[in-house]
Structure formats: C-alpha cells, structure tokens
Amino acid sequence: MTQLLIFILAAYGMTTILVYGSIFNGLRDLIHKWGNNELAPFNFLGSFLSGLISCMLCTSTWVGFFFSLTIFSPVNHFIGLNEYFSIFFDGMFAAGSVWAINGIVEWFEENRPSNK
C-alpha cells in the first residue's frame, strides 16, 4: 500500500514540476514556439508537446506510462494484469490520481481567505 501512495505522490510531483515548475520555463517556451510556428520542421510534434505540457491530466498520463515502464507498475503488482495492459492502466491511474489531487489543491487556492 505504501508503494501505491509513493507512486501517486511521485506522479503528482513530477507532473507539477513539468507543467508549472520554473526550472522548465525555458524548455516550455521553446516547445510552445516550436508548436506555434507553422514553418518549423515536425510542427505536428511541437504542437502535440505544447498541448501536453500545458495540461495536468495529459502530462500525468504520460508520467504514469513512464513510471510504469521504469519504476513500478501498481496495476501489475496489485491486480496481476498482463504487463502490456498494465502500462496503459497505470497511465490512467496516474492521470486520475493527479487530477483528483490537483482538483483539491485548486479548490483550496480558490477558496483561500483574503487578507483584506
């Protein structure tokens, strides 16, 4: 159960850093320029990546795929599903978990008492 919690928190942390982290500002700006430039080579890939790094749900899906392939597969470990299918469902699990945590965080940000 601890592994599951670590998977969820690591997916949330990595997704938050990729989407909002200041350390990736330059890389995100470069990808957005690439995706918006119609004359750039492989513009379709730049456009895809630009949309991906702007969305918590999209990025967390791919983070879940990455974690499943490299670190730990909760679906394979707890349910015993085929390794190839578990990669897909780990991505969906990470996306849902990150989306739920992000929704809670955004709710608290919107309902924060003002200092006025």
PDB file of N, CA and C in Angstrom:
ATOM      1  N   MET A   1       0.815  -1.190   0.000  1.00  0.00           N
ATOM      2  CA  MET A   1       0.000   0.000   0.000  1.00  0.00           C
ATOM      3  C   MET A   1       0.864   1.262   0.000  1.00  0.00           C
ATOM      4  N   THR A   2       1.995   1.197   0.673  1.00  0.00           N
ATOM      5  CA  THR A   2       2.915   2.327   0.697  1.00  0.00           C
ATOM      6  C   THR A   2       3.450   2.608  -0.702  1.00  0.00           C
ATOM      7  N   GLN A   3       3.691   1.551  -1.474  1.00  0.00           N
ATOM      8  CA  GLN A   3       4.182   1.723  -2.840  1.00  0.00           C
ATOM      9  C   GLN A   3       3.166   2.478  -3.697  1.00  0.00           C
ATOM     10  N   LEU A   4       1.896   2.187  -3.480  1.00  0.00           N
ATOM     11  CA  LEU A   4       0.836   2.859  -4.223  1.00  0.00           C
ATOM     12  C   LEU A   4       0.803   4.355  -3.900  1.00  0.00           C
ATOM     13  N   LEU A   5       0.914   4.683  -2.628  1.00  0.00           N
ATOM     14  CA  LEU A   5       0.930   6.080  -2.213  1.00  0.00           C
ATOM     15  C   LEU A   5       2.156   6.810  -2.778  1.00  0.00           C
ATOM     16  N   ILE A   6       3.298   6.146  -2.752  1.00  0.00           N
ATOM     17  CA  ILE A   6       4.519   6.746  -3.315  1.00  0.00           C
ATOM     18  C   ILE A   6       4.363   6.961  -4.812  1.00  0.00           C
ATOM     19  N   PHE A   7       3.772   5.987  -5.519  1.00  0.00           N
ATOM     20  CA  PHE A   7       3.530   6.123  -6.953  1.00  0.00           C
ATOM     21  C   PHE A   7       2.668   7.345  -7.237  1.00  0.00           C
ATOM     22  N   ILE A   8       1.579   7.499  -6.479  1.00  0.00           N
ATOM     23  CA  ILE A   8       0.656   8.620  -6.682  1.00  0.00           C
ATOM     24  C   ILE A   8       1.343   9.956  -6.395  1.00  0.00           C
ATOM     25  N   LEU A   9       2.032  10.054  -5.273  1.00  0.00           N
ATOM     26  CA  LEU A   9       2.692  11.315  -4.922  1.00  0.00           C
ATOM     27  C   LEU A   9       3.837  11.652  -5.868  1.00  0.00           C
ATOM     28  N   ALA A  10       4.576  10.639  -6.303  1.00  0.00           N
ATOM     29  CA  ALA A  10       5.662  10.883  -7.260  1.00  0.00           C
ATOM     30  C   ALA A  10       5.103  11.334  -8.602  1.00  0.00           C
ATOM     31  N   ALA A  11       4.001  10.728  -9.038  1.00  0.00           N
ATOM     32  CA  ALA A  11       3.377  11.137 -10.296  1.00  0.00           C
ATOM     33  C   ALA A  11       2.868  12.572 -10.193  1.00  0.00           C
ATOM     34  N   TYR A  12       2.266  12.927  -9.052  1.00  0.00           N
ATOM     35  CA  TYR A  12       1.791  14.298  -8.870  1.00  0.00           C
ATOM     36  C   TYR A  12       2.968  15.278  -8.860  1.00  0.00           C
ATOM     37  N   GLY A  13       4.018  14.926  -8.149  1.00  0.00           N
ATOM     38  CA  GLY A  13       5.185  15.803  -8.076  1.00  0.00           C
ATOM     39  C   GLY A  13       5.841  16.010  -9.420  1.00  0.00           C
ATOM     40  N   MET A  14       6.052  14.932 -10.149  1.00  0.00           N
ATOM     41  CA  MET A  14       6.711  15.056 -11.455  1.00  0.00           C
ATOM     42  C   MET A  14       5.829  15.833 -12.436  1.00  0.00           C
ATOM     43  N   THR A  15       4.534  15.574 -12.410  1.00  0.00           N
ATOM     44  CA  THR A  15       3.627  16.293 -13.303  1.00  0.00           C
ATOM     45  C   THR A  15       3.597  17.778 -12.973  1.00  0.00           C
ATOM     46  N   THR A  16       3.540  18.108 -11.708  1.00  0.00           N
ATOM     47  CA  THR A  16       3.518  19.512 -11.295  1.00  0.00           C
ATOM     48  C   THR A  16       4.793  20.227 -11.716  1.00  0.00           C
ATOM     49  N   ILE A  17       5.919  19.564 -11.560  1.00  0.00           N
ATOM     50  CA  ILE A  17       7.187  20.172 -11.957  1.00  0.00           C
ATOM     51  C   ILE A  17       7.232  20.389 -13.464  1.00  0.00           C
ATOM     52  N   LEU A  18       6.764  19.404 -14.236  1.00  0.00           N
ATOM     53  CA  LEU A  18       6.794  19.530 -15.693  1.00  0.00           C
ATOM     54  C   LEU A  18       5.847  20.609 -16.201  1.00  0.00           C
ATOM     55  N   VAL A  19       4.673  20.752 -15.569  1.00  0.00           N
ATOM     56  CA  VAL A  19       3.676  21.706 -16.055  1.00  0.00           C
ATOM     57  C   VAL A  19       3.889  23.105 -15.491  1.00  0.00           C
ATOM     58  N   TYR A  20       4.249  23.211 -14.203  1.00  0.00           N
ATOM     59  CA  TYR A  20       4.329  24.522 -13.551  1.00  0.00           C
ATOM     60  C   TYR A  20       5.727  24.929 -13.078  1.00  0.00           C
ATOM     61  N   GLY A  21       6.667  24.010 -13.012  1.00  0.00           N
ATOM     62  CA  GLY A  21       7.976  24.294 -12.426  1.00  0.00           C
ATOM     63  C   GLY A  21       8.767  25.342 -13.184  1.00  0.00           C
ATOM     64  N   SER A  22       9.348  26.261 -12.451  1.00  0.00           N
ATOM     65  CA  SER A  22      10.110  27.343 -13.089  1.00  0.00           C
ATOM     66  C   SER A  22      11.383  26.833 -13.747  1.00  0.00           C
ATOM     67  N   ILE A  23      11.877  25.689 -13.322  1.00  0.00           N
ATOM     68  CA  ILE A  23      13.102  25.157 -13.912  1.00  0.00           C
ATOM     69  C   ILE A  23      12.899  24.775 -15.383  1.00  0.00           C
ATOM     70  N   PHE A  24      11.653  24.491 -15.774  1.00  0.00           N
ATOM     71  CA  PHE A  24      11.359  24.121 -17.158  1.00  0.00           C
ATOM     72  C   PHE A  24      10.724  25.248 -17.964  1.00  0.00           C
ATOM     73  N   ASN A  25      10.741  26.482 -17.454  1.00  0.00           N
ATOM     74  CA  ASN A  25      10.147  27.606 -18.185  1.00  0.00           C
ATOM     75  C   ASN A  25      10.753  27.779 -19.573  1.00  0.00           C
ATOM     76  N   GLY A  26      12.061  27.756 -19.662  1.00  0.00           N
ATOM     77  CA  GLY A  26      12.735  27.934 -20.949  1.00  0.00           C
ATOM     78  C   GLY A  26      12.381  26.837 -21.931  1.00  0.00           C
ATOM     79  N   LEU A  27      12.384  25.600 -21.464  1.00  0.00           N
ATOM     80  CA  LEU A  27      12.055  24.472 -22.335  1.00  0.00           C
ATOM     81  C   LEU A  27      10.592  24.536 -22.775  1.00  0.00           C
ATOM     82  N   ARG A  28       9.684  24.890 -21.854  1.00  0.00           N
ATOM     83  CA  ARG A  28       8.266  25.008 -22.216  1.00  0.00           C
ATOM     84  C   ARG A  28       8.054  26.124 -23.235  1.00  0.00           C
ATOM     85  N   ASP A  29       8.728  27.266 -23.047  1.00  0.00           N
ATOM     86  CA  ASP A  29       8.604  28.370 -24.009  1.00  0.00           C
ATOM     87  C   ASP A  29       9.112  27.958 -25.381  1.00  0.00           C
ATOM     88  N   LEU A  30      10.221  27.233 -25.413  1.00  0.00           N
ATOM     89  CA  LEU A  30      10.777  26.752 -26.676  1.00  0.00           C
ATOM     90  C   LEU A  30       9.811  25.794 -27.373  1.00  0.00           C
ATOM     91  N   ILE A  31       9.208  24.896 -26.621  1.00  0.00           N
ATOM     92  CA  ILE A  31       8.251  23.941 -27.200  1.00  0.00           C
ATOM     93  C   ILE A  31       7.003  24.667 -27.687  1.00  0.00           C
ATOM     94  N   HIS A  32       6.526  25.662 -26.941  1.00  0.00           N
ATOM     95  CA  HIS A  32       5.352  26.429 -27.380  1.00  0.00           C
ATOM     96  C   HIS A  32       5.660  27.185 -28.679  1.00  0.00           C
ATOM     97  N   LYS A  33       6.854  27.777 -28.784  1.00  0.00           N
ATOM     98  CA  LYS A  33       7.235  28.482 -30.019  1.00  0.00           C
ATOM     99  C   LYS A  33       7.323  27.508 -31.189  1.00  0.00           C
ATOM    100  N   TRP A  34       7.886  26.331 -30.943  1.00  0.00           N
ATOM    101  CA  TRP A  34       8.002  25.301 -31.972  1.00  0.00           C
ATOM    102  C   TRP A  34       6.610  24.860 -32.442  1.00  0.00           C
ATOM    103  N   GLY A  35       5.708  24.653 -31.507  1.00  0.00           N
ATOM    104  CA  GLY A  35       4.367  24.207 -31.854  1.00  0.00           C
ATOM    105  C   GLY A  35       3.539  25.263 -32.561  1.00  0.00           C
ATOM    106  N   ASN A  36       3.808  26.543 -32.290  1.00  0.00           N
ATOM    107  CA  ASN A  36       3.050  27.625 -32.916  1.00  0.00           C
ATOM    108  C   ASN A  36       3.636  28.090 -34.242  1.00  0.00           C
ATOM    109  N   ASN A  37       4.847  27.664 -34.564  1.00  0.00           N
ATOM    110  CA  ASN A  37       5.499  28.046 -35.811  1.00  0.00           C
ATOM    111  C   ASN A  37       5.107  27.061 -36.906  1.00  0.00           C
ATOM    112  N   GLU A  38       4.321  27.523 -37.856  1.00  0.00           N
ATOM    113  CA  GLU A  38       3.844  26.645 -38.928  1.00  0.00           C
ATOM    114  C   GLU A  38       4.954  26.223 -39.884  1.00  0.00           C
ATOM    115  N   LEU A  39       6.043  26.958 -39.930  1.00  0.00           N
ATOM    116  CA  LEU A  39       7.136  26.643 -40.845  1.00  0.00           C
ATOM    117  C   LEU A  39       8.197  25.731 -40.226  1.00  0.00           C
ATOM    118  N   ALA A  40       8.083  25.476 -38.941  1.00  0.00           N
ATOM    119  CA  ALA A  40       9.082  24.655 -38.246  1.00  0.00           C
ATOM    120  C   ALA A  40       8.952  23.198 -38.678  1.00  0.00           C
ATOM    121  N   PRO A  41      10.093  22.492 -38.754  1.00  0.00           N
ATOM    122  CA  PRO A  41      10.024  21.070 -39.079  1.00  0.00           C
ATOM    123  C   PRO A  41       9.345  20.296 -37.945  1.00  0.00           C
ATOM    124  N   PHE A  42       8.610  19.281 -38.307  1.00  0.00           N
ATOM    125  CA  PHE A  42       7.882  18.446 -37.350  1.00  0.00           C
ATOM    126  C   PHE A  42       6.966  19.289 -36.467  1.00  0.00           C
ATOM    127  N   ASN A  43       6.276  20.237 -37.083  1.00  0.00           N
ATOM    128  CA  ASN A  43       5.371  21.127 -36.363  1.00  0.00           C
ATOM    129  C   ASN A  43       4.298  20.359 -35.610  1.00  0.00           C
ATOM    130  N   PHE A  44       3.830  19.254 -36.182  1.00  0.00           N
ATOM    131  CA  PHE A  44       2.789  18.451 -35.524  1.00  0.00           C
ATOM    132  C   PHE A  44       3.265  17.924 -34.181  1.00  0.00           C
ATOM    133  N   LEU A  45       4.544  17.541 -34.090  1.00  0.00           N
ATOM    134  CA  LEU A  45       5.102  17.049 -32.839  1.00  0.00           C
ATOM    135  C   LEU A  45       5.229  18.190 -31.828  1.00  0.00           C
ATOM    136  N   GLY A  46       5.673  19.351 -32.289  1.00  0.00           N
ATOM    137  CA  GLY A  46       5.766  20.514 -31.415  1.00  0.00           C
ATOM    138  C   GLY A  46       4.408  20.938 -30.894  1.00  0.00           C
ATOM    139  N   SER A  47       3.406  20.874 -31.753  1.00  0.00           N
ATOM    140  CA  SER A  47       2.050  21.216 -31.340  1.00  0.00           C
ATOM    141  C   SER A  47       1.522  20.225 -30.305  1.00  0.00           C
ATOM    142  N   PHE A  48       1.793  18.934 -30.516  1.00  0.00           N
ATOM    143  CA  PHE A  48       1.385  17.901 -29.563  1.00  0.00           C
ATOM    144  C   PHE A  48       2.055  18.106 -28.213  1.00  0.00           C
ATOM    145  N   LEU A  49       3.362  18.310 -28.217  1.00  0.00           N
ATOM    146  CA  LEU A  49       4.102  18.500 -26.970  1.00  0.00           C
ATOM    147  C   LEU A  49       3.695  19.795 -26.266  1.00  0.00           C
ATOM    148  N   SER A  50       3.393  20.828 -27.045  1.00  0.00           N
ATOM    149  CA  SER A  50       2.954  22.096 -26.464  1.00  0.00           C
ATOM    150  C   SER A  50       1.650  21.919 -25.707  1.00  0.00           C
ATOM    151  N   GLY A  51       0.722  21.185 -26.293  1.00  0.00           N
ATOM    152  CA  GLY A  51      -0.534  20.910 -25.601  1.00  0.00           C
ATOM    153  C   GLY A  51      -0.339  19.993 -24.410  1.00  0.00           C
ATOM    154  N   LEU A  52       0.570  19.051 -24.547  1.00  0.00           N
ATOM    155  CA  LEU A  52       0.823  18.081 -23.481  1.00  0.00           C
ATOM    156  C   LEU A  52       1.355  18.743 -22.224  1.00  0.00           C
ATOM    157  N   ILE A  53       2.339  19.612 -22.360  1.00  0.00           N
ATOM    158  CA  ILE A  53       2.957  20.212 -21.176  1.00  0.00           C
ATOM    159  C   ILE A  53       2.137  21.361 -20.591  1.00  0.00           C
ATOM    160  N   SER A  54       0.979  21.639 -21.188  1.00  0.00           N
ATOM    161  CA  SER A  54       0.095  22.672 -20.662  1.00  0.00           C
ATOM    162  C   SER A  54      -1.042  22.088 -19.840  1.00  0.00           C
ATOM    163  N   CYS A  55      -1.134  20.772 -19.767  1.00  0.00           N
ATOM    164  CA  CYS A  55      -2.298  20.111 -19.202  1.00  0.00           C
ATOM    165  C   CYS A  55      -1.866  19.108 -18.130  1.00  0.00           C
ATOM    166  N   MET A  56      -2.381  19.290 -16.917  1.00  0.00           N
ATOM    167  CA  MET A  56      -2.053  18.359 -15.825  1.00  0.00           C
ATOM    168  C   MET A  56      -2.528  16.941 -16.135  1.00  0.00           C
ATOM    169  N   LEU A  57      -3.708  16.807 -16.695  1.00  0.00           N
ATOM    170  CA  LEU A  57      -4.257  15.488 -16.976  1.00  0.00           C
ATOM    171  C   LEU A  57      -3.469  14.783 -18.072  1.00  0.00           C
ATOM    172  N   CYS A  58      -3.113  15.516 -19.123  1.00  0.00           N
ATOM    173  CA  CYS A  58      -2.370  14.923 -20.236  1.00  0.00           C
ATOM    174  C   CYS A  58      -0.962  14.506 -19.802  1.00  0.00           C
ATOM    175  N   THR A  59      -0.278  15.406 -19.130  1.00  0.00           N
ATOM    176  CA  THR A  59       1.089  15.126 -18.700  1.00  0.00           C
ATOM    177  C   THR A  59       1.121  13.972 -17.712  1.00  0.00           C
ATOM    178  N   SER A  60       0.165  13.927 -16.797  1.00  0.00           N
ATOM    179  CA  SER A  60       0.173  12.858 -15.791  1.00  0.00           C
ATOM    180  C   SER A  60      -0.073  11.488 -16.412  1.00  0.00           C
ATOM    181  N   THR A  61      -0.805  11.433 -17.515  1.00  0.00           N
ATOM    182  CA  THR A  61      -0.993  10.157 -18.206  1.00  0.00           C
ATOM    183  C   THR A  61       0.344   9.625 -18.700  1.00  0.00           C
ATOM    184  N   TRP A  62       1.116  10.485 -19.332  1.00  0.00           N
ATOM    185  CA  TRP A  62       2.410  10.065 -19.847  1.00  0.00           C
ATOM    186  C   TRP A  62       3.412   9.813 -18.732  1.00  0.00           C
ATOM    187  N   VAL A  63       3.308  10.552 -17.636  1.00  0.00           N
ATOM    188  CA  VAL A  63       4.148  10.284 -16.462  1.00  0.00           C
ATOM    189  C   VAL A  63       3.827   8.898 -15.914  1.00  0.00           C
ATOM    190  N   GLY A  64       2.547   8.542 -15.887  1.00  0.00           N
ATOM    191  CA  GLY A  64       2.145   7.207 -15.437  1.00  0.00           C
ATOM    192  C   GLY A  64       2.699   6.113 -16.338  1.00  0.00           C
ATOM    193  N   PHE A  65       2.669   6.336 -17.655  1.00  0.00           N
ATOM    194  CA  PHE A  65       3.275   5.369 -18.583  1.00  0.00           C
ATOM    195  C   PHE A  65       4.768   5.218 -18.286  1.00  0.00           C
ATOM    196  N   PHE A  66       5.444   6.363 -18.108  1.00  0.00           N
ATOM    197  CA  PHE A  66       6.886   6.354 -17.850  1.00  0.00           C
ATOM    198  C   PHE A  66       7.213   5.633 -16.542  1.00  0.00           C
ATOM    199  N   PHE A  67       6.489   5.953 -15.485  1.00  0.00           N
ATOM    200  CA  PHE A  67       6.727   5.295 -14.193  1.00  0.00           C
ATOM    201  C   PHE A  67       6.460   3.800 -14.287  1.00  0.00           C
ATOM    202  N   SER A  68       5.433   3.418 -15.017  1.00  0.00           N
ATOM    203  CA  SER A  68       5.106   2.002 -15.155  1.00  0.00           C
ATOM    204  C   SER A  68       6.224   1.243 -15.846  1.00  0.00           C
ATOM    205  N   LEU A  69       6.822   1.874 -16.834  1.00  0.00           N
ATOM    206  CA  LEU A  69       7.906   1.224 -17.569  1.00  0.00           C
ATOM    207  C   LEU A  69       9.222   1.212 -16.801  1.00  0.00           C
ATOM    208  N   THR A  70       9.465   2.213 -15.984  1.00  0.00           N
ATOM    209  CA  THR A  70      10.789   2.349 -15.375  1.00  0.00           C
ATOM    210  C   THR A  70      10.853   2.031 -13.886  1.00  0.00           C
ATOM    211  N   ILE A  71       9.808   2.344 -13.135  1.00  0.00           N
ATOM    212  CA  ILE A  71       9.910   2.259 -11.685  1.00  0.00           C
ATOM    213  C   ILE A  71       9.046   1.154 -11.099  1.00  0.00           C
ATOM    214  N   PHE A  72       7.729   1.281 -11.259  1.00  0.00           N
ATOM    215  CA  PHE A  72       6.803   0.386 -10.565  1.00  0.00           C
ATOM    216  C   PHE A  72       5.460   0.398 -11.275  1.00  0.00           C
ATOM    217  N   SER A  73       4.845  -0.756 -11.398  1.00  0.00           N
ATOM    218  CA  SER A  73       3.529  -0.873 -12.010  1.00  0.00           C
ATOM    219  C   SER A  73       2.516  -1.324 -10.963  1.00  0.00           C
ATOM    220  N   PRO A  74       1.720  -0.392 -10.426  1.00  0.00           N
ATOM    221  CA  PRO A  74       0.756  -0.784  -9.401  1.00  0.00           C
ATOM    222  C   PRO A  74      -0.299  -1.764  -9.910  1.00  0.00           C
ATOM    223  N   VAL A  75      -0.756  -1.602 -11.140  1.00  0.00           N
ATOM    224  CA  VAL A  75      -1.778  -2.490 -11.679  1.00  0.00           C
ATOM    225  C   VAL A  75      -1.233  -3.906 -11.813  1.00  0.00           C
ATOM    226  N   ASN A  76      -0.009  -4.026 -12.299  1.00  0.00           N
ATOM    227  CA  ASN A  76       0.603  -5.349 -12.426  1.00  0.00           C
ATOM    228  C   ASN A  76       0.859  -5.956 -11.057  1.00  0.00           C
ATOM    229  N   HIS A  77       1.305  -5.159 -10.121  1.00  0.00           N
ATOM    230  CA  HIS A  77       1.654  -5.658  -8.790  1.00  0.00           C
ATOM    231  C   HIS A  77       0.429  -6.057  -7.976  1.00  0.00           C
ATOM    232  N   PHE A  78      -0.594  -5.217  -7.962  1.00  0.00           N
ATOM    233  CA  PHE A  78      -1.749  -5.473  -7.106  1.00  0.00           C
ATOM    234  C   PHE A  78      -2.831  -6.323  -7.768  1.00  0.00           C
ATOM    235  N   ILE A  79      -2.999  -6.186  -9.067  1.00  0.00           N
ATOM    236  CA  ILE A  79      -4.062  -6.925  -9.755  1.00  0.00           C
ATOM    237  C   ILE A  79      -3.501  -8.127 -10.513  1.00  0.00           C
ATOM    238  N   GLY A  80      -2.253  -8.022 -10.959  1.00  0.00           N
ATOM    239  CA  GLY A  80      -1.627  -9.109 -11.700  1.00  0.00           C
ATOM    240  C   GLY A  80      -1.996  -9.128 -13.173  1.00  0.00           C
ATOM    241  N   LEU A  81      -2.374  -7.975 -13.688  1.00  0.00           N
ATOM    242  CA  LEU A  81      -2.735  -7.862 -15.093  1.00  0.00           C
ATOM    243  C   LEU A  81      -1.492  -8.003 -15.964  1.00  0.00           C
ATOM    244  N   ASN A  82      -1.684  -8.396 -17.195  1.00  0.00           N
ATOM    245  CA  ASN A  82      -0.602  -8.518 -18.171  1.00  0.00           C
ATOM    246  C   ASN A  82       0.244  -7.242 -18.182  1.00  0.00           C
ATOM    247  N   GLU A  83       1.551  -7.401 -18.337  1.00  0.00           N
ATOM    248  CA  GLU A  83       2.467  -6.243 -18.272  1.00  0.00           C
ATOM    249  C   GLU A  83       2.140  -5.175 -19.300  1.00  0.00           C
ATOM    250  N   TYR A  84       1.756  -5.570 -20.507  1.00  0.00           N
ATOM    251  CA  TYR A  84       1.483  -4.595 -21.555  1.00  0.00           C
ATOM    252  C   TYR A  84       0.194  -3.824 -21.276  1.00  0.00           C
ATOM    253  N   PHE A  85      -0.826  -4.503 -20.788  1.00  0.00           N
ATOM    254  CA  PHE A  85      -2.070  -3.820 -20.438  1.00  0.00           C
ATOM    255  C   PHE A  85      -1.891  -2.958 -19.199  1.00  0.00           C
ATOM    256  N   SER A  86      -1.054  -3.409 -18.292  1.00  0.00           N
ATOM    257  CA  SER A  86      -0.879  -2.654 -17.052  1.00  0.00           C
ATOM    258  C   SER A  86      -0.220  -1.302 -17.301  1.00  0.00           C
ATOM    259  N   ILE A  87       0.602  -1.191 -18.323  1.00  0.00           N
ATOM    260  CA  ILE A  87       1.212   0.104 -18.652  1.00  0.00           C
ATOM    261  C   ILE A  87       0.121   1.124 -18.972  1.00  0.00           C
ATOM    262  N   PHE A  88      -0.844   0.710 -19.776  1.00  0.00           N
ATOM    263  CA  PHE A  88      -1.946   1.597 -20.132  1.00  0.00           C
ATOM    264  C   PHE A  88      -2.750   2.000 -18.894  1.00  0.00           C
ATOM    265  N   PHE A  89      -3.119   1.018 -18.085  1.00  0.00           N
ATOM    266  CA  PHE A  89      -3.940   1.314 -16.920  1.00  0.00           C
ATOM    267  C   PHE A  89      -3.172   2.073 -15.834  1.00  0.00           C
ATOM    268  N   ASP A  90      -1.846   1.899 -15.778  1.00  0.00           N
ATOM    269  CA  ASP A  90      -1.047   2.712 -14.854  1.00  0.00           C
ATOM    270  C   ASP A  90      -1.086   4.177 -15.264  1.00  0.00           C
ATOM    271  N   GLY A  91      -1.050   4.434 -16.575  1.00  0.00           N
ATOM    272  CA  GLY A  91      -1.174   5.813 -17.057  1.00  0.00           C
ATOM    273  C   GLY A  91      -2.517   6.413 -16.698  1.00  0.00           C
ATOM    274  N   MET A  92      -3.571   5.618 -16.840  1.00  0.00           N
ATOM    275  CA  MET A  92      -4.909   6.103 -16.496  1.00  0.00           C
ATOM    276  C   MET A  92      -5.043   6.304 -14.977  1.00  0.00           C
ATOM    277  N   PHE A  93      -4.453   5.402 -14.206  1.00  0.00           N
ATOM    278  CA  PHE A  93      -4.486   5.527 -12.747  1.00  0.00           C
ATOM    279  C   PHE A  93      -3.742   6.785 -12.297  1.00  0.00           C
ATOM    280  N   ALA A  94      -2.567   7.023 -12.883  1.00  0.00           N
ATOM    281  CA  ALA A  94      -1.798   8.222 -12.535  1.00  0.00           C
ATOM    282  C   ALA A  94      -2.564   9.478 -12.919  1.00  0.00           C
ATOM    283  N   ALA A  95      -3.193   9.473 -14.095  1.00  0.00           N
ATOM    284  CA  ALA A  95      -3.949  10.642 -14.539  1.00  0.00           C
ATOM    285  C   ALA A  95      -5.098  10.942 -13.586  1.00  0.00           C
ATOM    286  N   GLY A  96      -5.845   9.914 -13.195  1.00  0.00           N
ATOM    287  CA  GLY A  96      -6.964  10.124 -12.279  1.00  0.00           C
ATOM    288  C   GLY A  96      -6.513  10.588 -10.907  1.00  0.00           C
ATOM    289  N   SER A  97      -5.438  10.006 -10.413  1.00  0.00           N
ATOM    290  CA  SER A  97      -4.917  10.376  -9.098  1.00  0.00           C
ATOM    291  C   SER A  97      -4.418  11.816  -9.093  1.00  0.00           C
ATOM    292  N   VAL A  98      -3.640  12.173 -10.098  1.00  0.00           N
ATOM    293  CA  VAL A  98      -3.101  13.529 -10.188  1.00  0.00           C
ATOM    294  C   VAL A  98      -4.226  14.534 -10.386  1.00  0.00           C
ATOM    295  N   TRP A  99      -5.209  14.187 -11.203  1.00  0.00           N
ATOM    296  CA  TRP A  99      -6.343  15.078 -11.436  1.00  0.00           C
ATOM    297  C   TRP A  99      -7.095  15.333 -10.130  1.00  0.00           C
ATOM    298  N   ALA A 100      -7.298  14.286  -9.324  1.00  0.00           N
ATOM    299  CA  ALA A 100      -8.008  14.439  -8.046  1.00  0.00           C
ATOM    300  C   ALA A 100      -7.211  15.325  -7.085  1.00  0.00           C
ATOM    301  N   ILE A 101      -5.928  15.076  -6.955  1.00  0.00           N
ATOM    302  CA  ILE A 101      -5.099  15.891  -6.060  1.00  0.00           C
ATOM    303  C   ILE A 101      -5.066  17.338  -6.543  1.00  0.00           C
ATOM    304  N   ASN A 102      -4.899  17.522  -7.851  1.00  0.00           N
ATOM    305  CA  ASN A 102      -4.855  18.874  -8.402  1.00  0.00           C
ATOM    306  C   ASN A 102      -6.187  19.595  -8.198  1.00  0.00           C
ATOM    307  N   GLY A 103      -7.291  18.884  -8.317  1.00  0.00           N
ATOM    308  CA  GLY A 103      -8.602  19.485  -8.073  1.00  0.00           C
ATOM    309  C   GLY A 103      -8.743  19.967  -6.637  1.00  0.00           C
ATOM    310  N   ILE A 104      -8.252  19.177  -5.698  1.00  0.00           N
ATOM    311  CA  ILE A 104      -8.298  19.569  -4.284  1.00  0.00           C
ATOM    312  C   ILE A 104      -7.414  20.792  -4.041  1.00  0.00           C
ATOM    313  N   VAL A 105      -6.216  20.779  -4.611  1.00  0.00           N
ATOM    314  CA  VAL A 105      -5.299  21.916  -4.446  1.00  0.00           C
ATOM    315  C   VAL A 105      -5.898  23.179  -5.052  1.00  0.00           C
ATOM    316  N   GLU A 106      -6.479  23.072  -6.246  1.00  0.00           N
ATOM    317  CA  GLU A 106      -7.085  24.249  -6.871  1.00  0.00           C
ATOM    318  C   GLU A 106      -8.284  24.751  -6.082  1.00  0.00           C
ATOM    319  N   TRP A 107      -9.067  23.849  -5.492  1.00  0.00           N
ATOM    320  CA  TRP A 107     -10.204  24.273  -4.674  1.00  0.00           C
ATOM    321  C   TRP A 107      -9.723  25.103  -3.489  1.00  0.00           C
ATOM    322  N   PHE A 108      -8.647  24.636  -2.830  1.00  0.00           N
ATOM    323  CA  PHE A 108      -8.117  25.397  -1.697  1.00  0.00           C
ATOM    324  C   PHE A 108      -7.530  26.733  -2.144  1.00  0.00           C
ATOM    325  N   GLU A 109      -6.929  26.778  -3.334  1.00  0.00           N
ATOM    326  CA  GLU A 109      -6.386  28.041  -3.832  1.00  0.00           C
ATOM    327  C   GLU A 109      -7.498  29.045  -4.125  1.00  0.00           C
ATOM    328  N   GLU A 110      -8.613  28.576  -4.665  1.00  0.00           N
ATOM    329  CA  GLU A 110      -9.729  29.475  -4.987  1.00  0.00           C
ATOM    330  C   GLU A 110     -10.480  29.924  -3.737  1.00  0.00           C
ATOM    331  N   ASN A 111     -10.523  29.091  -2.725  1.00  0.00           N
ATOM    332  CA  ASN A 111     -11.306  29.397  -1.529  1.00  0.00           C
ATOM    333  C   ASN A 111     -10.447  29.851  -0.364  1.00  0.00           C
ATOM    334  N   ARG A 112      -9.269  30.327  -0.666  1.00  0.00           N
ATOM    335  CA  ARG A 112      -8.366  30.844   0.359  1.00  0.00           C
ATOM    336  C   ARG A 112      -8.930  32.151   0.907  1.00  0.00           C
ATOM    337  N   PRO A 113      -8.951  32.304   2.221  1.00  0.00           N
ATOM    338  CA  PRO A 113      -9.456  33.569   2.776  1.00  0.00           C
ATOM    339  C   PRO A 113      -8.537  34.731   2.407  1.00  0.00           C
ATOM    340  N   SER A 114      -9.139  35.855   2.087  1.00  0.00           N
ATOM    341  CA  SER A 114      -8.335  37.022   1.726  1.00  0.00           C
ATOM    342  C   SER A 114      -7.859  37.753   2.967  1.00  0.00           C
ATOM    343  N   ASN A 115      -6.796  38.505   2.833  1.00  0.00           N
ATOM    344  CA  ASN A 115      -6.216  39.256   3.953  1.00  0.00           C
ATOM    345  C   ASN A 115      -6.816  40.654   4.072  1.00  0.00           C
ATOM    346  N   LYS A 116      -7.837  40.957   3.326  1.00  0.00           N
ATOM    347  CA  LYS A 116      -8.418  42.304   3.334  1.00  0.00           C
ATOM    348  C   LYS A 116      -9.346  42.505   4.482  1.00  0.00           C
TER     349      LYS A 116
END
